[in-house]
Each structure stands twice: as C-alpha cells, then as structure tokens.
Amino acid sequence: MYTITKGPSKLVAQRRTAWQQVQQQLDGGPAGEGRPRPVQYVERTPNPRLQNFVPIDLDEWWAQQFLARITSCS
C-alpha cells in the first residue's frame, strides 16, 4: 500500500484543475484571457477495428484491484 504525499497530491490537483478548464472550454465555456480555445481532434474516417471499443474506468479498475487484494489477505 502507498500514500500520496503533499507534493504529488498537489500536482494531481493542478492537473485535475487544468483538465476541468479544458473540458469547460470544449463544452463552449469562456476561453481564458488571451488564450486560444483548445482544439479537439476528431477522426474523419474512424477505424472499423475500434467500432466496439469500450474504454475502461480506471478508478473502478483500481477499486476492484484494491478490494481483491484485501479479500485475498483475509
């Protein structure tokens, strides 16, 4: 098991805030002062092999791994 110290947790908070700002701008929110809007890349012809691709929820995956570790130790 590991602990997130102050330095890395601050970095994670900064990245989360920056990503939330990008998401708001992509959704049509106001752009920052003097900053251009982010550009969202969209495939013109999607790859047919990726048609059924389903991204995983990493938070859920980590939670399952954590619970599996706990139950295997009990």
N, C-alpha and C. Protein backbone atom coordinates (compact mmCIF):
# COMPACT_ATOMS: atom_id res chain seq x y z
N MET A 1 0.85 -1.18 0.00
CA MET A 1 0.00 0.00 0.00
C MET A 1 0.89 1.24 0.00
N TYR A 2 0.44 2.31 -0.59
CA TYR A 2 1.24 3.51 -0.66
C TYR A 2 0.42 4.72 -0.23
N THR A 3 1.13 5.80 0.08
CA THR A 3 0.49 7.04 0.49
C THR A 3 0.92 8.15 -0.46
N ILE A 4 -0.02 8.99 -0.82
CA ILE A 4 0.32 10.13 -1.66
C ILE A 4 0.76 11.27 -0.75
N THR A 5 1.98 11.73 -0.97
CA THR A 5 2.50 12.82 -0.15
C THR A 5 2.01 14.16 -0.68
N LYS A 6 2.33 15.22 0.00
CA LYS A 6 1.85 16.55 -0.34
C LYS A 6 2.25 16.98 -1.75
N GLY A 7 3.50 16.72 -2.15
CA GLY A 7 3.98 17.13 -3.47
C GLY A 7 3.19 16.51 -4.60
N PRO A 8 3.12 15.17 -4.67
CA PRO A 8 2.35 14.55 -5.75
C PRO A 8 0.86 14.88 -5.71
N SER A 9 0.27 15.00 -4.52
CA SER A 9 -1.15 15.30 -4.45
C SER A 9 -1.42 16.71 -4.97
N LYS A 10 -0.48 17.63 -4.75
CA LYS A 10 -0.62 18.98 -5.28
C LYS A 10 -0.55 18.96 -6.81
N LEU A 11 0.36 18.16 -7.35
CA LEU A 11 0.49 18.02 -8.79
C LEU A 11 -0.79 17.43 -9.39
N VAL A 12 -1.34 16.42 -8.75
CA VAL A 12 -2.59 15.81 -9.22
C VAL A 12 -3.72 16.85 -9.20
N ALA A 13 -3.80 17.64 -8.15
CA ALA A 13 -4.84 18.68 -8.06
C ALA A 13 -4.67 19.71 -9.17
N GLN A 14 -3.43 20.10 -9.46
CA GLN A 14 -3.19 21.07 -10.54
C GLN A 14 -3.61 20.51 -11.88
N ARG A 15 -3.27 19.25 -12.14
CA ARG A 15 -3.63 18.61 -13.41
C ARG A 15 -5.13 18.47 -13.54
N ARG A 16 -5.79 18.11 -12.44
CA ARG A 16 -7.24 17.96 -12.47
C ARG A 16 -7.91 19.30 -12.79
N THR A 17 -7.44 20.37 -12.15
CA THR A 17 -7.99 21.70 -12.40
C THR A 17 -7.77 22.12 -13.85
N ALA A 18 -6.57 21.88 -14.37
CA ALA A 18 -6.27 22.24 -15.76
C ALA A 18 -7.16 21.45 -16.72
N TRP A 19 -7.35 20.16 -16.46
CA TRP A 19 -8.18 19.34 -17.34
C TRP A 19 -9.64 19.78 -17.27
N GLN A 20 -10.13 20.14 -16.10
CA GLN A 20 -11.50 20.63 -15.98
C GLN A 20 -11.69 21.91 -16.78
N GLN A 21 -10.69 22.78 -16.80
CA GLN A 21 -10.77 24.01 -17.59
C GLN A 21 -10.84 23.69 -19.08
N VAL A 22 -10.04 22.72 -19.52
CA VAL A 22 -10.08 22.32 -20.94
C VAL A 22 -11.45 21.76 -21.28
N GLN A 23 -11.99 20.92 -20.42
CA GLN A 23 -13.31 20.34 -20.68
C GLN A 23 -14.38 21.43 -20.76
N GLN A 24 -14.33 22.42 -19.87
CA GLN A 24 -15.30 23.51 -19.90
C GLN A 24 -15.18 24.29 -21.21
N GLN A 25 -13.96 24.54 -21.65
CA GLN A 25 -13.76 25.28 -22.89
C GLN A 25 -14.25 24.47 -24.09
N LEU A 26 -14.03 23.16 -24.08
CA LEU A 26 -14.52 22.32 -25.17
C LEU A 26 -16.04 22.29 -25.20
N ASP A 27 -16.66 22.40 -24.03
CA ASP A 27 -18.12 22.40 -23.95
C ASP A 27 -18.73 23.75 -24.29
N GLY A 28 -17.89 24.72 -24.66
CA GLY A 28 -18.41 26.02 -25.07
C GLY A 28 -18.30 27.10 -24.01
N GLY A 29 -17.61 26.82 -22.92
CA GLY A 29 -17.41 27.82 -21.88
C GLY A 29 -16.44 28.89 -22.35
N PRO A 30 -16.25 29.92 -21.54
CA PRO A 30 -15.36 31.02 -21.94
C PRO A 30 -13.90 30.59 -22.00
N ALA A 31 -13.18 31.07 -22.99
CA ALA A 31 -11.75 30.81 -23.10
C ALA A 31 -11.02 31.72 -22.11
N GLY A 32 -9.81 31.33 -21.74
CA GLY A 32 -9.03 32.14 -20.82
C GLY A 32 -8.62 33.46 -21.44
N GLU A 33 -8.18 34.39 -20.62
CA GLU A 33 -7.77 35.71 -21.10
C GLU A 33 -6.59 35.59 -22.05
N GLY A 34 -6.80 35.97 -23.31
CA GLY A 34 -5.73 35.95 -24.29
C GLY A 34 -5.27 34.55 -24.70
N ARG A 35 -5.95 33.54 -24.26
CA ARG A 35 -5.57 32.17 -24.60
C ARG A 35 -6.51 31.63 -25.67
N PRO A 36 -5.98 30.90 -26.63
CA PRO A 36 -6.86 30.31 -27.64
C PRO A 36 -7.64 29.13 -27.06
N ARG A 37 -8.74 28.84 -27.70
CA ARG A 37 -9.53 27.68 -27.28
C ARG A 37 -8.77 26.40 -27.63
N PRO A 38 -8.97 25.32 -26.86
CA PRO A 38 -8.34 24.05 -27.20
C PRO A 38 -8.95 23.49 -28.49
N VAL A 39 -8.16 22.74 -29.22
CA VAL A 39 -8.63 22.13 -30.46
C VAL A 39 -8.90 20.66 -30.17
N GLN A 40 -10.09 20.21 -30.52
CA GLN A 40 -10.45 18.82 -30.29
C GLN A 40 -10.29 18.05 -31.60
N TYR A 41 -9.50 16.99 -31.56
CA TYR A 41 -9.27 16.17 -32.74
C TYR A 41 -10.38 15.15 -32.88
N VAL A 42 -10.94 15.05 -34.07
CA VAL A 42 -11.98 14.06 -34.35
C VAL A 42 -11.60 13.35 -35.64
N GLU A 43 -11.59 12.04 -35.61
CA GLU A 43 -11.28 11.24 -36.80
C GLU A 43 -12.35 11.47 -37.87
N ARG A 44 -11.91 11.71 -39.09
CA ARG A 44 -12.86 11.85 -40.20
C ARG A 44 -13.39 10.49 -40.63
N THR A 45 -12.51 9.52 -40.67
CA THR A 45 -12.92 8.15 -41.01
C THR A 45 -12.46 7.25 -39.87
N PRO A 46 -13.35 6.94 -38.95
CA PRO A 46 -12.97 6.11 -37.80
C PRO A 46 -12.48 4.73 -38.24
N ASN A 47 -11.56 4.19 -37.47
CA ASN A 47 -11.02 2.87 -37.73
C ASN A 47 -12.11 1.83 -37.43
N PRO A 48 -12.46 0.98 -38.39
CA PRO A 48 -13.52 -0.01 -38.15
C PRO A 48 -13.18 -1.01 -37.05
N ARG A 49 -11.87 -1.25 -36.81
CA ARG A 49 -11.48 -2.18 -35.74
C ARG A 49 -11.85 -1.64 -34.36
N LEU A 50 -11.98 -0.32 -34.26
CA LEU A 50 -12.29 0.30 -32.96
C LEU A 50 -13.78 0.55 -32.76
N GLN A 51 -14.59 0.03 -33.67
CA GLN A 51 -16.03 0.28 -33.61
C GLN A 51 -16.65 -0.15 -32.28
N ASN A 52 -16.23 -1.28 -31.74
CA ASN A 52 -16.80 -1.80 -30.49
C ASN A 52 -15.93 -1.51 -29.28
N PHE A 53 -14.96 -0.59 -29.43
CA PHE A 53 -14.06 -0.27 -28.33
C PHE A 53 -14.83 0.39 -27.18
N VAL A 54 -14.60 -0.10 -25.98
CA VAL A 54 -15.21 0.47 -24.78
C VAL A 54 -14.08 0.82 -23.82
N PRO A 55 -13.88 2.11 -23.51
CA PRO A 55 -12.81 2.47 -22.58
C PRO A 55 -13.14 1.97 -21.17
N ILE A 56 -12.09 1.69 -20.40
CA ILE A 56 -12.33 1.24 -19.03
C ILE A 56 -12.29 2.43 -18.08
N ASP A 57 -12.96 2.29 -16.97
CA ASP A 57 -12.94 3.29 -15.92
C ASP A 57 -11.80 2.91 -14.98
N LEU A 58 -10.69 3.66 -15.06
CA LEU A 58 -9.52 3.31 -14.25
C LEU A 58 -9.78 3.38 -12.76
N ASP A 59 -10.60 4.33 -12.33
CA ASP A 59 -10.93 4.41 -10.91
C ASP A 59 -11.63 3.14 -10.44
N GLU A 60 -12.56 2.66 -11.24
CA GLU A 60 -13.27 1.43 -10.90
C GLU A 60 -12.33 0.24 -10.92
N TRP A 61 -11.43 0.19 -11.92
CA TRP A 61 -10.49 -0.90 -12.02
C TRP A 61 -9.57 -0.95 -10.80
N TRP A 62 -9.04 0.22 -10.40
CA TRP A 62 -8.17 0.28 -9.22
C TRP A 62 -8.94 -0.13 -7.96
N ALA A 63 -10.20 0.28 -7.87
CA ALA A 63 -11.01 -0.10 -6.70
C ALA A 63 -11.18 -1.62 -6.66
N GLN A 64 -11.42 -2.23 -7.80
CA GLN A 64 -11.56 -3.69 -7.84
C GLN A 64 -10.26 -4.38 -7.46
N GLN A 65 -9.14 -3.86 -7.93
CA GLN A 65 -7.83 -4.43 -7.58
C GLN A 65 -7.59 -4.32 -6.08
N PHE A 66 -7.92 -3.17 -5.52
CA PHE A 66 -7.74 -2.93 -4.09
C PHE A 66 -8.59 -3.91 -3.27
N LEU A 67 -9.85 -4.05 -3.64
CA LEU A 67 -10.74 -4.97 -2.92
C LEU A 67 -10.29 -6.41 -3.07
N ALA A 68 -9.82 -6.77 -4.24
CA ALA A 68 -9.33 -8.14 -4.44
C ALA A 68 -8.13 -8.43 -3.55
N ARG A 69 -7.23 -7.44 -3.41
CA ARG A 69 -6.07 -7.60 -2.54
C ARG A 69 -6.49 -7.77 -1.08
N ILE A 70 -7.48 -6.97 -0.68
CA ILE A 70 -7.95 -7.04 0.71
C ILE A 70 -8.58 -8.41 0.99
N THR A 71 -9.43 -8.86 0.09
CA THR A 71 -10.10 -10.15 0.32
C THR A 71 -9.15 -11.33 0.25
N SER A 72 -8.09 -11.23 -0.57
CA SER A 72 -7.15 -12.33 -0.66
C SER A 72 -6.26 -12.41 0.58
N CYS A 73 -6.10 -11.29 1.29
CA CYS A 73 -5.27 -11.28 2.50
C CYS A 73 -6.05 -11.72 3.72
N SER A 74 -7.35 -11.69 3.67
CA SER A 74 -8.18 -12.07 4.84
C SER A 74 -8.32 -13.53 4.99
